[in-house]
Each structure stands twice: as structure tokens, then as C-alpha cells.
Amino acid sequence: MANIKSAKKRILVNRTKMERNKAIKSGVKTAVKKAYAAMGRDDKEAAKAALLHATSTIDKAARKGVYHKNTAARKISRMNLAYNKMA
């Protein structure tokens, strides 16, 4: 454990940010999983709704700095490609 006051604060701040980032990433993974599951059922309406929610969640994570903007764009692009390949 650190002895310097600023180092102790850094540890606390980093832990807080890590927990926040973990929660956001978990939400993104859940939204993406739901979107792909809806696409797998060939339900166009549910897939569209899930895709919009997942896209919004990923964009929000990118704005907050949890994901790099190119990573977010890649994830969204792949989901859109999968949606467009649906029957």
C-alpha cells in the first residue's frame, strides 16, 4: 500500500474508474449479445430495436472513453453487417 497521500488518492480514483468502466463494458456486452440473439431468431422488429439499443450503448461508451472510437465503430459496423445479412 502506498504511503504518500496523493498515491493513496490515485489508488482510490483508479479503483472507482475501473469499476465504472467494468460496468459500462458489461452493459455493452449484454446489449450486443441481445442484438445478435434477436438476429439469430430472424425477428426483424426485435433485431432492429436491439440493434438501435446496442448502437446507442456502444456510442455512449465511446464518448465516455471506455472504448476507442475505432473499436466502437468496428463493433457497430459488424452488427449492422449481420443485421443486413438477415433474410
PDB file of N, CA and C in Angstrom:
ATOM      1  N   MET A   1       0.848  -1.188   0.000  1.00  0.00           N
ATOM      2  CA  MET A   1       0.000   0.000   0.000  1.00  0.00           C
ATOM      3  C   MET A   1       0.883   1.238   0.000  1.00  0.00           C
ATOM      4  N   ALA A   2       0.412   2.249  -0.668  1.00  0.00           N
ATOM      5  CA  ALA A   2       1.169   3.481  -0.783  1.00  0.00           C
ATOM      6  C   ALA A   2       1.198   4.238   0.541  1.00  0.00           C
ATOM      7  N   ASN A   3       2.245   5.036   0.718  1.00  0.00           N
ATOM      8  CA  ASN A   3       2.373   5.856   1.922  1.00  0.00           C
ATOM      9  C   ASN A   3       2.062   7.314   1.652  1.00  0.00           C
ATOM     10  N   ILE A   4       2.255   7.765   0.425  1.00  0.00           N
ATOM     11  CA  ILE A   4       2.050   9.172   0.081  1.00  0.00           C
ATOM     12  C   ILE A   4       0.566   9.429  -0.165  1.00  0.00           C
ATOM     13  N   LYS A   5       0.090  10.569   0.328  1.00  0.00           N
ATOM     14  CA  LYS A   5      -1.333  10.885   0.261  1.00  0.00           C
ATOM     15  C   LYS A   5      -1.855  10.895  -1.172  1.00  0.00           C
ATOM     16  N   SER A   6      -1.114  11.490  -2.089  1.00  0.00           N
ATOM     17  CA  SER A   6      -1.568  11.559  -3.483  1.00  0.00           C
ATOM     18  C   SER A   6      -1.603  10.177  -4.123  1.00  0.00           C
ATOM     19  N   ALA A   7      -0.672   9.311  -3.725  1.00  0.00           N
ATOM     20  CA  ALA A   7      -0.659   7.953  -4.264  1.00  0.00           C
ATOM     21  C   ALA A   7      -1.860   7.160  -3.753  1.00  0.00           C
ATOM     22  N   LYS A   8      -2.229   7.389  -2.492  1.00  0.00           N
ATOM     23  CA  LYS A   8      -3.407   6.728  -1.930  1.00  0.00           C
ATOM     24  C   LYS A   8      -4.664   7.171  -2.673  1.00  0.00           C
ATOM     25  N   LYS A   9      -4.725   8.482  -2.958  1.00  0.00           N
ATOM     26  CA  LYS A   9      -5.878   9.014  -3.684  1.00  0.00           C
ATOM     27  C   LYS A   9      -5.933   8.425  -5.092  1.00  0.00           C
ATOM     28  N   ARG A  10      -4.796   8.323  -5.753  1.00  0.00           N
ATOM     29  CA  ARG A  10      -4.732   7.741  -7.103  1.00  0.00           C
ATOM     30  C   ARG A  10      -5.304   6.329  -7.097  1.00  0.00           C
ATOM     31  N   ILE A  11      -4.931   5.548  -6.078  1.00  0.00           N
ATOM     32  CA  ILE A  11      -5.412   4.173  -5.981  1.00  0.00           C
ATOM     33  C   ILE A  11      -6.937   4.159  -5.882  1.00  0.00           C
ATOM     34  N   LEU A  12      -7.491   5.033  -5.055  1.00  0.00           N
ATOM     35  CA  LEU A  12      -8.944   5.103  -4.901  1.00  0.00           C
ATOM     36  C   LEU A  12      -9.628   5.548  -6.190  1.00  0.00           C
ATOM     37  N   VAL A  13      -9.077   6.568  -6.836  1.00  0.00           N
ATOM     38  CA  VAL A  13      -9.662   7.086  -8.070  1.00  0.00           C
ATOM     39  C   VAL A  13      -9.595   6.034  -9.175  1.00  0.00           C
ATOM     40  N   ASN A  14      -8.460   5.363  -9.285  1.00  0.00           N
ATOM     41  CA  ASN A  14      -8.316   4.323 -10.298  1.00  0.00           C
ATOM     42  C   ASN A  14      -9.286   3.175 -10.070  1.00  0.00           C
ATOM     43  N   ARG A  15      -9.489   2.812  -8.808  1.00  0.00           N
ATOM     44  CA  ARG A  15     -10.437   1.740  -8.495  1.00  0.00           C
ATOM     45  C   ARG A  15     -11.851   2.146  -8.880  1.00  0.00           C
ATOM     46  N   THR A  16     -12.215   3.388  -8.596  1.00  0.00           N
ATOM     47  CA  THR A  16     -13.544   3.889  -8.946  1.00  0.00           C
ATOM     48  C   THR A  16     -13.747   3.879 -10.457  1.00  0.00           C
ATOM     49  N   LYS A  17     -12.752   4.363 -11.188  1.00  0.00           N
ATOM     50  CA  LYS A  17     -12.852   4.379 -12.652  1.00  0.00           C
ATOM     51  C   LYS A  17     -12.903   2.977 -13.224  1.00  0.00           C
ATOM     52  N   MET A  18     -12.133   2.060 -12.651  1.00  0.00           N
ATOM     53  CA  MET A  18     -12.122   0.678 -13.123  1.00  0.00           C
ATOM     54  C   MET A  18     -13.499   0.046 -12.954  1.00  0.00           C
ATOM     55  N   GLU A  19     -14.137   0.276 -11.803  1.00  0.00           N
ATOM     56  CA  GLU A  19     -15.464  -0.283 -11.562  1.00  0.00           C
ATOM     57  C   GLU A  19     -16.485   0.313 -12.526  1.00  0.00           C
ATOM     58  N   ARG A  20     -16.378   1.610 -12.793  1.00  0.00           N
ATOM     59  CA  ARG A  20     -17.290   2.282 -13.726  1.00  0.00           C
ATOM     60  C   ARG A  20     -17.106   1.725 -15.131  1.00  0.00           C
ATOM     61  N   ASN A  21     -15.843   1.590 -15.551  1.00  0.00           N
ATOM     62  CA  ASN A  21     -15.560   1.060 -16.883  1.00  0.00           C
ATOM     63  C   ASN A  21     -16.039  -0.381 -17.018  1.00  0.00           C
ATOM     64  N   LYS A  22     -15.867  -1.163 -15.961  1.00  0.00           N
ATOM     65  CA  LYS A  22     -16.292  -2.559 -15.992  1.00  0.00           C
ATOM     66  C   LYS A  22     -17.809  -2.643 -16.157  1.00  0.00           C
ATOM     67  N   ALA A  23     -18.538  -1.787 -15.455  1.00  0.00           N
ATOM     68  CA  ALA A  23     -19.996  -1.784 -15.557  1.00  0.00           C
ATOM     69  C   ALA A  23     -20.441  -1.384 -16.962  1.00  0.00           C
ATOM     70  N   ILE A  24     -19.789  -0.391 -17.533  1.00  0.00           N
ATOM     71  CA  ILE A  24     -20.150   0.065 -18.877  1.00  0.00           C
ATOM     72  C   ILE A  24     -19.839  -1.016 -19.906  1.00  0.00           C
ATOM     73  N   LYS A  25     -18.664  -1.640 -19.802  1.00  0.00           N
ATOM     74  CA  LYS A  25     -18.301  -2.707 -20.742  1.00  0.00           C
ATOM     75  C   LYS A  25     -19.264  -3.882 -20.625  1.00  0.00           C
ATOM     76  N   SER A  26     -19.663  -4.209 -19.425  1.00  0.00           N
ATOM     77  CA  SER A  26     -20.606  -5.293 -19.214  1.00  0.00           C
ATOM     78  C   SER A  26     -21.945  -4.980 -19.873  1.00  0.00           C
ATOM     79  N   GLY A  27     -22.381  -3.729 -19.752  1.00  0.00           N
ATOM     80  CA  GLY A  27     -23.628  -3.314 -20.394  1.00  0.00           C
ATOM     81  C   GLY A  27     -23.550  -3.407 -21.902  1.00  0.00           C
ATOM     82  N   VAL A  28     -22.403  -3.038 -22.452  1.00  0.00           N
ATOM     83  CA  VAL A  28     -22.207  -3.129 -23.904  1.00  0.00           C
ATOM     84  C   VAL A  28     -22.263  -4.585 -24.346  1.00  0.00           C
ATOM     85  N   LYS A  29     -21.565  -5.456 -23.617  1.00  0.00           N
ATOM     86  CA  LYS A  29     -21.550  -6.874 -23.985  1.00  0.00           C
ATOM     87  C   LYS A  29     -22.954  -7.462 -23.940  1.00  0.00           C
ATOM     88  N   THR A  30     -23.732  -7.096 -22.930  1.00  0.00           N
ATOM     89  CA  THR A  30     -25.095  -7.597 -22.803  1.00  0.00           C
ATOM     90  C   THR A  30     -25.952  -7.122 -23.967  1.00  0.00           C
ATOM     91  N   ALA A  31     -25.847  -5.832 -24.316  1.00  0.00           N
ATOM     92  CA  ALA A  31     -26.639  -5.276 -25.408  1.00  0.00           C
ATOM     93  C   ALA A  31     -26.275  -5.931 -26.738  1.00  0.00           C
ATOM     94  N   VAL A  32     -24.985  -6.147 -26.963  1.00  0.00           N
ATOM     95  CA  VAL A  32     -24.537  -6.775 -28.210  1.00  0.00           C
ATOM     96  C   VAL A  32     -25.028  -8.217 -28.272  1.00  0.00           C
ATOM     97  N   LYS A  33     -24.943  -8.918 -27.149  1.00  0.00           N
ATOM     98  CA  LYS A  33     -25.399 -10.304 -27.115  1.00  0.00           C
ATOM     99  C   LYS A  33     -26.894 -10.392 -27.413  1.00  0.00           C
ATOM    100  N   LYS A  34     -27.676  -9.469 -26.852  1.00  0.00           N
ATOM    101  CA  LYS A  34     -29.113  -9.462 -27.110  1.00  0.00           C
ATOM    102  C   LYS A  34     -29.410  -9.152 -28.574  1.00  0.00           C
ATOM    103  N   ALA A  35     -28.637  -8.260 -29.165  1.00  0.00           N
ATOM    104  CA  ALA A  35     -28.838  -7.912 -30.572  1.00  0.00           C
ATOM    105  C   ALA A  35     -28.561  -9.119 -31.465  1.00  0.00           C
ATOM    106  N   TYR A  36     -27.446  -9.806 -31.226  1.00  0.00           N
ATOM    107  CA  TYR A  36     -27.124 -10.975 -32.037  1.00  0.00           C
ATOM    108  C   TYR A  36     -28.137 -12.104 -31.812  1.00  0.00           C
ATOM    109  N   ALA A  37     -28.642 -12.241 -30.583  1.00  0.00           N
ATOM    110  CA  ALA A  37     -29.643 -13.266 -30.300  1.00  0.00           C
ATOM    111  C   ALA A  37     -30.930 -12.979 -31.078  1.00  0.00           C
ATOM    112  N   ALA A  38     -31.333 -11.713 -31.124  1.00  0.00           N
ATOM    113  CA  ALA A  38     -32.535 -11.344 -31.876  1.00  0.00           C
ATOM    114  C   ALA A  38     -32.333 -11.585 -33.363  1.00  0.00           C
ATOM    115  N   MET A  39     -31.127 -11.318 -33.843  1.00  0.00           N
ATOM    116  CA  MET A  39     -30.836 -11.575 -35.260  1.00  0.00           C
ATOM    117  C   MET A  39     -30.863 -13.073 -35.551  1.00  0.00           C
ATOM    118  N   GLY A  40     -30.426 -13.870 -34.602  1.00  0.00           N
ATOM    119  CA  GLY A  40     -30.422 -15.314 -34.779  1.00  0.00           C
ATOM    120  C   GLY A  40     -31.819 -15.901 -34.853  1.00  0.00           C
ATOM    121  N   ARG A  41     -32.798 -15.223 -34.234  1.00  0.00           N
ATOM    122  CA  ARG A  41     -34.188 -15.684 -34.275  1.00  0.00           C
ATOM    123  C   ARG A  41     -34.915 -15.202 -35.531  1.00  0.00           C
ATOM    124  N   ASP A  42     -34.236 -14.432 -36.374  1.00  0.00           N
ATOM    125  CA  ASP A  42     -34.823 -13.879 -37.606  1.00  0.00           C
ATOM    126  C   ASP A  42     -36.061 -13.033 -37.331  1.00  0.00           C
ATOM    127  N   ASP A  43     -36.057 -12.339 -36.209  1.00  0.00           N
ATOM    128  CA  ASP A  43     -37.154 -11.428 -35.865  1.00  0.00           C
ATOM    129  C   ASP A  43     -36.696 -10.017 -36.203  1.00  0.00           C
ATOM    130  N   LYS A  44     -37.131  -9.504 -37.356  1.00  0.00           N
ATOM    131  CA  LYS A  44     -36.643  -8.210 -37.868  1.00  0.00           C
ATOM    132  C   LYS A  44     -36.909  -7.067 -36.894  1.00  0.00           C
ATOM    133  N   GLU A  45     -38.126  -7.023 -36.347  1.00  0.00           N
ATOM    134  CA  GLU A  45     -38.500  -5.905 -35.470  1.00  0.00           C
ATOM    135  C   GLU A  45     -37.681  -5.923 -34.178  1.00  0.00           C
ATOM    136  N   ALA A  46     -37.590  -7.080 -33.545  1.00  0.00           N
ATOM    137  CA  ALA A  46     -36.825  -7.191 -32.304  1.00  0.00           C
ATOM    138  C   ALA A  46     -35.344  -6.943 -32.571  1.00  0.00           C
ATOM    139  N   ALA A  47     -34.862  -7.430 -33.716  1.00  0.00           N
ATOM    140  CA  ALA A  47     -33.456  -7.230 -34.058  1.00  0.00           C
ATOM    141  C   ALA A  47     -33.158  -5.754 -34.274  1.00  0.00           C
ATOM    142  N   LYS A  48     -34.075  -5.045 -34.933  1.00  0.00           N
ATOM    143  CA  LYS A  48     -33.873  -3.616 -35.184  1.00  0.00           C
ATOM    144  C   LYS A  48     -33.832  -2.840 -33.869  1.00  0.00           C
ATOM    145  N   ALA A  49     -34.764  -3.157 -32.966  1.00  0.00           N
ATOM    146  CA  ALA A  49     -34.806  -2.483 -31.668  1.00  0.00           C
ATOM    147  C   ALA A  49     -33.543  -2.780 -30.859  1.00  0.00           C
ATOM    148  N   ALA A  50     -33.138  -4.044 -30.855  1.00  0.00           N
ATOM    149  CA  ALA A  50     -31.937  -4.435 -30.103  1.00  0.00           C
ATOM    150  C   ALA A  50     -30.692  -3.804 -30.715  1.00  0.00           C
ATOM    151  N   LEU A  51     -30.666  -3.704 -32.046  1.00  0.00           N
ATOM    152  CA  LEU A  51     -29.532  -3.092 -32.736  1.00  0.00           C
ATOM    153  C   LEU A  51     -29.414  -1.613 -32.379  1.00  0.00           C
ATOM    154  N   LEU A  52     -30.539  -0.905 -32.366  1.00  0.00           N
ATOM    155  CA  LEU A  52     -30.523   0.513 -32.006  1.00  0.00           C
ATOM    156  C   LEU A  52     -30.059   0.711 -30.570  1.00  0.00           C
ATOM    157  N   HIS A  53     -30.527  -0.144 -29.667  1.00  0.00           N
ATOM    158  CA  HIS A  53     -30.117  -0.033 -28.264  1.00  0.00           C
ATOM    159  C   HIS A  53     -28.621  -0.326 -28.109  1.00  0.00           C
ATOM    160  N   ALA A  54     -28.149  -1.368 -28.782  1.00  0.00           N
ATOM    161  CA  ALA A  54     -26.730  -1.730 -28.695  1.00  0.00           C
ATOM    162  C   ALA A  54     -25.856  -0.632 -29.282  1.00  0.00           C
ATOM    163  N   THR A  55     -26.282  -0.067 -30.409  1.00  0.00           N
ATOM    164  CA  THR A  55     -25.528   1.017 -31.040  1.00  0.00           C
ATOM    165  C   THR A  55     -25.433   2.222 -30.109  1.00  0.00           C
ATOM    166  N   SER A  56     -26.549   2.551 -29.500  1.00  0.00           N
ATOM    167  CA  SER A  56     -26.570   3.672 -28.556  1.00  0.00           C
ATOM    168  C   SER A  56     -25.644   3.418 -27.371  1.00  0.00           C
ATOM    169  N   THR A  57     -25.676   2.210 -26.858  1.00  0.00           N
ATOM    170  CA  THR A  57     -24.839   1.847 -25.706  1.00  0.00           C
ATOM    171  C   THR A  57     -23.354   1.917 -26.061  1.00  0.00           C
ATOM    172  N   ILE A  58     -23.014   1.427 -27.244  1.00  0.00           N
ATOM    173  CA  ILE A  58     -21.612   1.452 -27.676  1.00  0.00           C
ATOM    174  C   ILE A  58     -21.145   2.887 -27.893  1.00  0.00           C
ATOM    175  N   ASP A  59     -21.985   3.700 -28.532  1.00  0.00           N
ATOM    176  CA  ASP A  59     -21.629   5.108 -28.748  1.00  0.00           C
ATOM    177  C   ASP A  59     -21.410   5.837 -27.431  1.00  0.00           C
ATOM    178  N   LYS A  60     -22.267   5.564 -26.466  1.00  0.00           N
ATOM    179  CA  LYS A  60     -22.143   6.205 -25.167  1.00  0.00           C
ATOM    180  C   LYS A  60     -20.836   5.793 -24.480  1.00  0.00           C
ATOM    181  N   ALA A  61     -20.485   4.513 -24.600  1.00  0.00           N
ATOM    182  CA  ALA A  61     -19.236   4.021 -24.010  1.00  0.00           C
ATOM    183  C   ALA A  61     -18.037   4.681 -24.684  1.00  0.00           C
ATOM    184  N   ALA A  62     -18.118   4.884 -25.994  1.00  0.00           N
ATOM    185  CA  ALA A  62     -17.016   5.531 -26.717  1.00  0.00           C
ATOM    186  C   ALA A  62     -16.893   6.998 -26.303  1.00  0.00           C
ATOM    187  N   ARG A  63     -18.016   7.669 -26.123  1.00  0.00           N
ATOM    188  CA  ARG A  63     -17.975   9.075 -25.698  1.00  0.00           C
ATOM    189  C   ARG A  63     -17.373   9.223 -24.315  1.00  0.00           C
ATOM    190  N   LYS A  64     -17.610   8.239 -23.454  1.00  0.00           N
ATOM    191  CA  LYS A  64     -17.075   8.299 -22.094  1.00  0.00           C
ATOM    192  C   LYS A  64     -15.627   7.837 -22.018  1.00  0.00           C
ATOM    193  N   GLY A  65     -15.092   7.334 -23.145  1.00  0.00           N
ATOM    194  CA  GLY A  65     -13.692   6.951 -23.172  1.00  0.00           C
ATOM    195  C   GLY A  65     -13.431   5.519 -22.754  1.00  0.00           C
ATOM    196  N   VAL A  66     -14.476   4.721 -22.620  1.00  0.00           N
ATOM    197  CA  VAL A  66     -14.292   3.329 -22.233  1.00  0.00           C
ATOM    198  C   VAL A  66     -13.774   2.537 -23.421  1.00  0.00           C
ATOM    199  N   TYR A  67     -14.317   2.821 -24.604  1.00  0.00           N
ATOM    200  CA  TYR A  67     -13.852   2.208 -25.844  1.00  0.00           C
ATOM    201  C   TYR A  67     -13.246   3.281 -26.738  1.00  0.00           C
ATOM    202  N   HIS A  68     -12.240   2.913 -27.509  1.00  0.00           N
ATOM    203  CA  HIS A  68     -11.689   3.812 -28.524  1.00  0.00           C
ATOM    204  C   HIS A  68     -12.735   3.977 -29.609  1.00  0.00           C
ATOM    205  N   LYS A  69     -12.741   5.131 -30.260  1.00  0.00           N
ATOM    206  CA  LYS A  69     -13.781   5.405 -31.253  1.00  0.00           C
ATOM    207  C   LYS A  69     -13.743   4.416 -32.413  1.00  0.00           C
ATOM    208  N   ASN A  70     -12.557   3.958 -32.799  1.00  0.00           N
ATOM    209  CA  ASN A  70     -12.467   2.986 -33.892  1.00  0.00           C
ATOM    210  C   ASN A  70     -12.994   1.613 -33.465  1.00  0.00           C
ATOM    211  N   THR A  71     -12.773   1.257 -32.213  1.00  0.00           N
ATOM    212  CA  THR A  71     -13.298  -0.004 -31.693  1.00  0.00           C
ATOM    213  C   THR A  71     -14.816   0.039 -31.704  1.00  0.00           C
ATOM    214  N   ALA A  72     -15.367   1.150 -31.259  1.00  0.00           N
ATOM    215  CA  ALA A  72     -16.823   1.306 -31.250  1.00  0.00           C
ATOM    216  C   ALA A  72     -17.375   1.245 -32.671  1.00  0.00           C
ATOM    217  N   ALA A  73     -16.717   1.920 -33.594  1.00  0.00           N
ATOM    218  CA  ALA A  73     -17.166   1.923 -34.985  1.00  0.00           C
ATOM    219  C   ALA A  73     -17.112   0.516 -35.569  1.00  0.00           C
ATOM    220  N   ARG A  74     -16.080  -0.239 -35.234  1.00  0.00           N
ATOM    221  CA  ARG A  74     -15.941  -1.608 -35.737  1.00  0.00           C
ATOM    222  C   ARG A  74     -17.055  -2.497 -35.208  1.00  0.00           C
ATOM    223  N   LYS A  75     -17.350  -2.391 -33.911  1.00  0.00           N
ATOM    224  CA  LYS A  75     -18.412  -3.196 -33.320  1.00  0.00           C
ATOM    225  C   LYS A  75     -19.756  -2.876 -33.956  1.00  0.00           C
ATOM    226  N   ILE A  76     -20.028  -1.598 -34.143  1.00  0.00           N
ATOM    227  CA  ILE A  76     -21.302  -1.175 -34.738  1.00  0.00           C
ATOM    228  C   ILE A  76     -21.385  -1.638 -36.186  1.00  0.00           C
ATOM    229  N   SER A  77     -20.296  -1.510 -36.905  1.00  0.00           N
ATOM    230  CA  SER A  77     -20.266  -1.920 -38.307  1.00  0.00           C
ATOM    231  C   SER A  77     -20.536  -3.409 -38.451  1.00  0.00           C
ATOM    232  N   ARG A  78     -19.938  -4.212 -37.605  1.00  0.00           N
ATOM    233  CA  ARG A  78     -20.132  -5.658 -37.678  1.00  0.00           C
ATOM    234  C   ARG A  78     -21.570  -6.037 -37.352  1.00  0.00           C
ATOM    235  N   MET A  79     -22.165  -5.331 -36.381  1.00  0.00           N
ATOM    236  CA  MET A  79     -23.563  -5.620 -36.055  1.00  0.00           C
ATOM    237  C   MET A  79     -24.492  -5.227 -37.199  1.00  0.00           C
ATOM    238  N   ASN A  80     -24.229  -4.076 -37.807  1.00  0.00           N
ATOM    239  CA  ASN A  80     -25.046  -3.645 -38.942  1.00  0.00           C
ATOM    240  C   ASN A  80     -24.912  -4.618 -40.109  1.00  0.00           C
ATOM    241  N   LEU A  81     -23.712  -5.105 -40.338  1.00  0.00           N
ATOM    242  CA  LEU A  81     -23.482  -6.078 -41.405  1.00  0.00           C
ATOM    243  C   LEU A  81     -24.290  -7.360 -41.143  1.00  0.00           C
ATOM    244  N   ALA A  82     -24.266  -7.827 -39.903  1.00  0.00           N
ATOM    245  CA  ALA A  82     -25.021  -9.028 -39.543  1.00  0.00           C
ATOM    246  C   ALA A  82     -26.520  -8.790 -39.693  1.00  0.00           C
ATOM    247  N   TYR A  83     -26.970  -7.597 -39.321  1.00  0.00           N
ATOM    248  CA  TYR A  83     -28.399  -7.266 -39.459  1.00  0.00           C
ATOM    249  C   TYR A  83     -28.808  -7.232 -40.928  1.00  0.00           C
ATOM    250  N   ASN A  84     -27.965  -6.653 -41.770  1.00  0.00           N
ATOM    251  CA  ASN A  84     -28.283  -6.548 -43.186  1.00  0.00           C
ATOM    252  C   ASN A  84     -28.232  -7.899 -43.893  1.00  0.00           C
ATOM    253  N   LYS A  85     -27.498  -8.857 -43.335  1.00  0.00           N
ATOM    254  CA  LYS A  85     -27.424 -10.190 -43.936  1.00  0.00           C
ATOM    255  C   LYS A  85     -28.617 -11.064 -43.544  1.00  0.00           C
ATOM    256  N   MET A  86     -29.441 -10.564 -42.618  1.00  0.00           N
ATOM    257  CA  MET A  86     -30.622 -11.339 -42.227  1.00  0.00           C
ATOM    258  C   MET A  86     -31.537 -11.536 -43.425  1.00  0.00           C
ATOM    259  N   ALA A  87     -32.299 -12.611 -43.391  1.00  0.00           N
ATOM    260  CA  ALA A  87     -33.191 -12.944 -44.523  1.00  0.00           C
ATOM    261  C   ALA A  87     -34.272 -11.914 -44.744  1.00  0.00           C
TER     262      ALA A  87
END
